[in-house]
Amino acid sequence: MDPRSLDELARRLSSVVPPGVTALRRDLEENFKAILQAGLSKLDLVSRQEFDVQAAVLRRTREKLEALEARLAALEKNNP
């Protein structure tokens, strides 16, 4: 997850803290950020770059499969 998104989410969480504890807002923001990072690190996530690489591999594999299926269909048509 993008660190800026994590910072923004932590900032939003700390902004809903009641006015009486605004002195603790910065500490709460840091704690929220740490909790979010810990929770996200436990998830089985991949980076956008890894996802894009795997999507490209899958696309090439599909293209090869379609080409092989077309060749097989042509061979079956010529050799009944």
C-alpha atoms as a PDB file:
ATOM      1  CA  MET A   1       0.000   0.000   0.000  1.00  0.00           C
ATOM      2  CA  ASP A   2       1.201   3.481  -0.839  1.00  0.00           C
ATOM      3  CA  PRO A   3       2.694   5.148   2.274  1.00  0.00           C
ATOM      4  CA  ARG A   4       0.871   8.386   1.424  1.00  0.00           C
ATOM      5  CA  SER A   5      -2.438   6.530   1.464  1.00  0.00           C
ATOM      6  CA  LEU A   6      -1.551   5.029   4.820  1.00  0.00           C
ATOM      7  CA  ASP A   7      -0.635   8.471   6.182  1.00  0.00           C
ATOM      8  CA  GLU A   8      -3.902   9.908   4.889  1.00  0.00           C
ATOM      9  CA  LEU A   9      -5.940   7.086   6.439  1.00  0.00           C
ATOM     10  CA  ALA A  10      -4.158   7.534   9.793  1.00  0.00           C
ATOM     11  CA  ARG A  11      -4.774  11.290   9.571  1.00  0.00           C
ATOM     12  CA  ARG A  12      -8.474  10.711   8.902  1.00  0.00           C
ATOM     13  CA  LEU A  13      -8.761   8.332  11.834  1.00  0.00           C
ATOM     14  CA  SER A  14      -7.076  10.807  14.156  1.00  0.00           C
ATOM     15  CA  SER A  15      -9.330  13.630  12.938  1.00  0.00           C
ATOM     16  CA  VAL A  16     -12.403  11.905  14.388  1.00  0.00           C
ATOM     17  CA  VAL A  17     -10.890  11.870  17.858  1.00  0.00           C
ATOM     18  CA  PRO A  18     -13.004  13.884  20.320  1.00  0.00           C
ATOM     19  CA  PRO A  19     -11.845  17.496  20.858  1.00  0.00           C
ATOM     20  CA  GLY A  20     -10.841  16.821  24.474  1.00  0.00           C
ATOM     21  CA  VAL A  21      -7.905  14.670  23.387  1.00  0.00           C
ATOM     22  CA  THR A  22      -6.509  16.804  20.576  1.00  0.00           C
ATOM     23  CA  ALA A  23      -3.206  17.004  22.440  1.00  0.00           C
ATOM     24  CA  LEU A  24      -2.864  13.289  21.820  1.00  0.00           C
ATOM     25  CA  ARG A  25      -3.800  13.580  18.129  1.00  0.00           C
ATOM     26  CA  ARG A  26      -0.216  13.232  16.803  1.00  0.00           C
ATOM     27  CA  ASP A  27       0.456  10.200  19.013  1.00  0.00           C
ATOM     28  CA  LEU A  28      -2.839   8.650  17.963  1.00  0.00           C
ATOM     29  CA  GLU A  29      -2.049   9.289  14.307  1.00  0.00           C
ATOM     30  CA  GLU A  30       1.302   7.500  14.684  1.00  0.00           C
ATOM     31  CA  ASN A  31      -0.363   4.631  16.564  1.00  0.00           C
ATOM     32  CA  PHE A  32      -3.072   4.311  13.913  1.00  0.00           C
ATOM     33  CA  LYS A  33      -0.393   4.243  11.244  1.00  0.00           C
ATOM     34  CA  ALA A  34       1.574   1.530  13.071  1.00  0.00           C
ATOM     35  CA  ILE A  35      -1.562  -0.562  13.611  1.00  0.00           C
ATOM     36  CA  LEU A  36      -2.562  -0.234   9.951  1.00  0.00           C
ATOM     37  CA  GLN A  37       0.937  -1.180   8.779  1.00  0.00           C
ATOM     38  CA  ALA A  38       1.011  -4.210  11.076  1.00  0.00           C
ATOM     39  CA  GLY A  39      -2.411  -5.343   9.906  1.00  0.00           C
ATOM     40  CA  LEU A  40      -1.573  -4.897   6.241  1.00  0.00           C
ATOM     41  CA  SER A  41       1.742  -6.721   6.612  1.00  0.00           C
ATOM     42  CA  LYS A  42      -0.162  -9.809   7.793  1.00  0.00           C
ATOM     43  CA  LEU A  43      -2.218  -9.883   4.607  1.00  0.00           C
ATOM     44  CA  ASP A  44      -1.029 -11.847   1.611  1.00  0.00           C
ATOM     45  CA  LEU A  45      -0.719  -8.878  -0.743  1.00  0.00           C
ATOM     46  CA  VAL A  46       1.478  -8.237  -3.762  1.00  0.00           C
ATOM     47  CA  SER A  47       2.837  -4.942  -4.989  1.00  0.00           C
ATOM     48  CA  ARG A  48       1.348  -3.243  -8.042  1.00  0.00           C
ATOM     49  CA  GLN A  49       4.555  -3.999  -9.925  1.00  0.00           C
ATOM     50  CA  GLU A  50       4.333  -7.713  -9.124  1.00  0.00           C
ATOM     51  CA  PHE A  51       0.675  -7.726 -10.149  1.00  0.00           C
ATOM     52  CA  ASP A  52       1.462  -6.015 -13.463  1.00  0.00           C
ATOM     53  CA  VAL A  53       4.261  -8.495 -14.206  1.00  0.00           C
ATOM     54  CA  GLN A  54       1.993 -11.468 -13.523  1.00  0.00           C
ATOM     55  CA  ALA A  55      -0.820  -9.923 -15.586  1.00  0.00           C
ATOM     56  CA  ALA A  56       1.599  -9.589 -18.525  1.00  0.00           C
ATOM     57  CA  VAL A  57       2.698 -13.218 -18.129  1.00  0.00           C
ATOM     58  CA  LEU A  58      -0.929 -14.329 -18.076  1.00  0.00           C
ATOM     59  CA  ARG A  59      -1.722 -12.256 -21.176  1.00  0.00           C
ATOM     60  CA  ARG A  60       1.188 -13.804 -23.114  1.00  0.00           C
ATOM     61  CA  THR A  61       0.174 -17.292 -21.952  1.00  0.00           C
ATOM     62  CA  ARG A  62      -3.391 -16.730 -23.154  1.00  0.00           C
ATOM     63  CA  GLU A  63      -2.118 -15.502 -26.517  1.00  0.00           C
ATOM     64  CA  LYS A  64       0.040 -18.620 -26.916  1.00  0.00           C
ATOM     65  CA  LEU A  65      -2.844 -20.864 -25.865  1.00  0.00           C
ATOM     66  CA  GLU A  66      -5.164 -19.246 -28.395  1.00  0.00           C
ATOM     67  CA  ALA A  67      -2.542 -19.685 -31.128  1.00  0.00           C
ATOM     68  CA  LEU A  68      -2.091 -23.360 -30.217  1.00  0.00           C
ATOM     69  CA  GLU A  69      -5.860 -23.907 -30.162  1.00  0.00           C
ATOM     70  CA  ALA A  70      -6.115 -22.370 -33.637  1.00  0.00           C
ATOM     71  CA  ARG A  71      -3.314 -24.597 -34.929  1.00  0.00           C
ATOM     72  CA  LEU A  72      -4.959 -27.665 -33.392  1.00  0.00           C
ATOM     73  CA  ALA A  73      -8.309 -26.778 -34.926  1.00  0.00           C
ATOM     74  CA  ALA A  74      -6.641 -26.355 -38.325  1.00  0.00           C
ATOM     75  CA  LEU A  75      -4.870 -29.716 -37.998  1.00  0.00           C
ATOM     76  CA  GLU A  76      -8.085 -31.458 -36.963  1.00  0.00           C
ATOM     77  CA  LYS A  77      -9.927 -29.879 -39.877  1.00  0.00           C
ATOM     78  CA  ASN A  78      -7.293 -31.102 -42.371  1.00  0.00           C
ATOM     79  CA  ASN A  79      -7.052 -34.590 -40.856  1.00  0.00           C
ATOM     80  CA  PRO A  80     -10.577 -35.770 -40.024  1.00  0.00           C
END
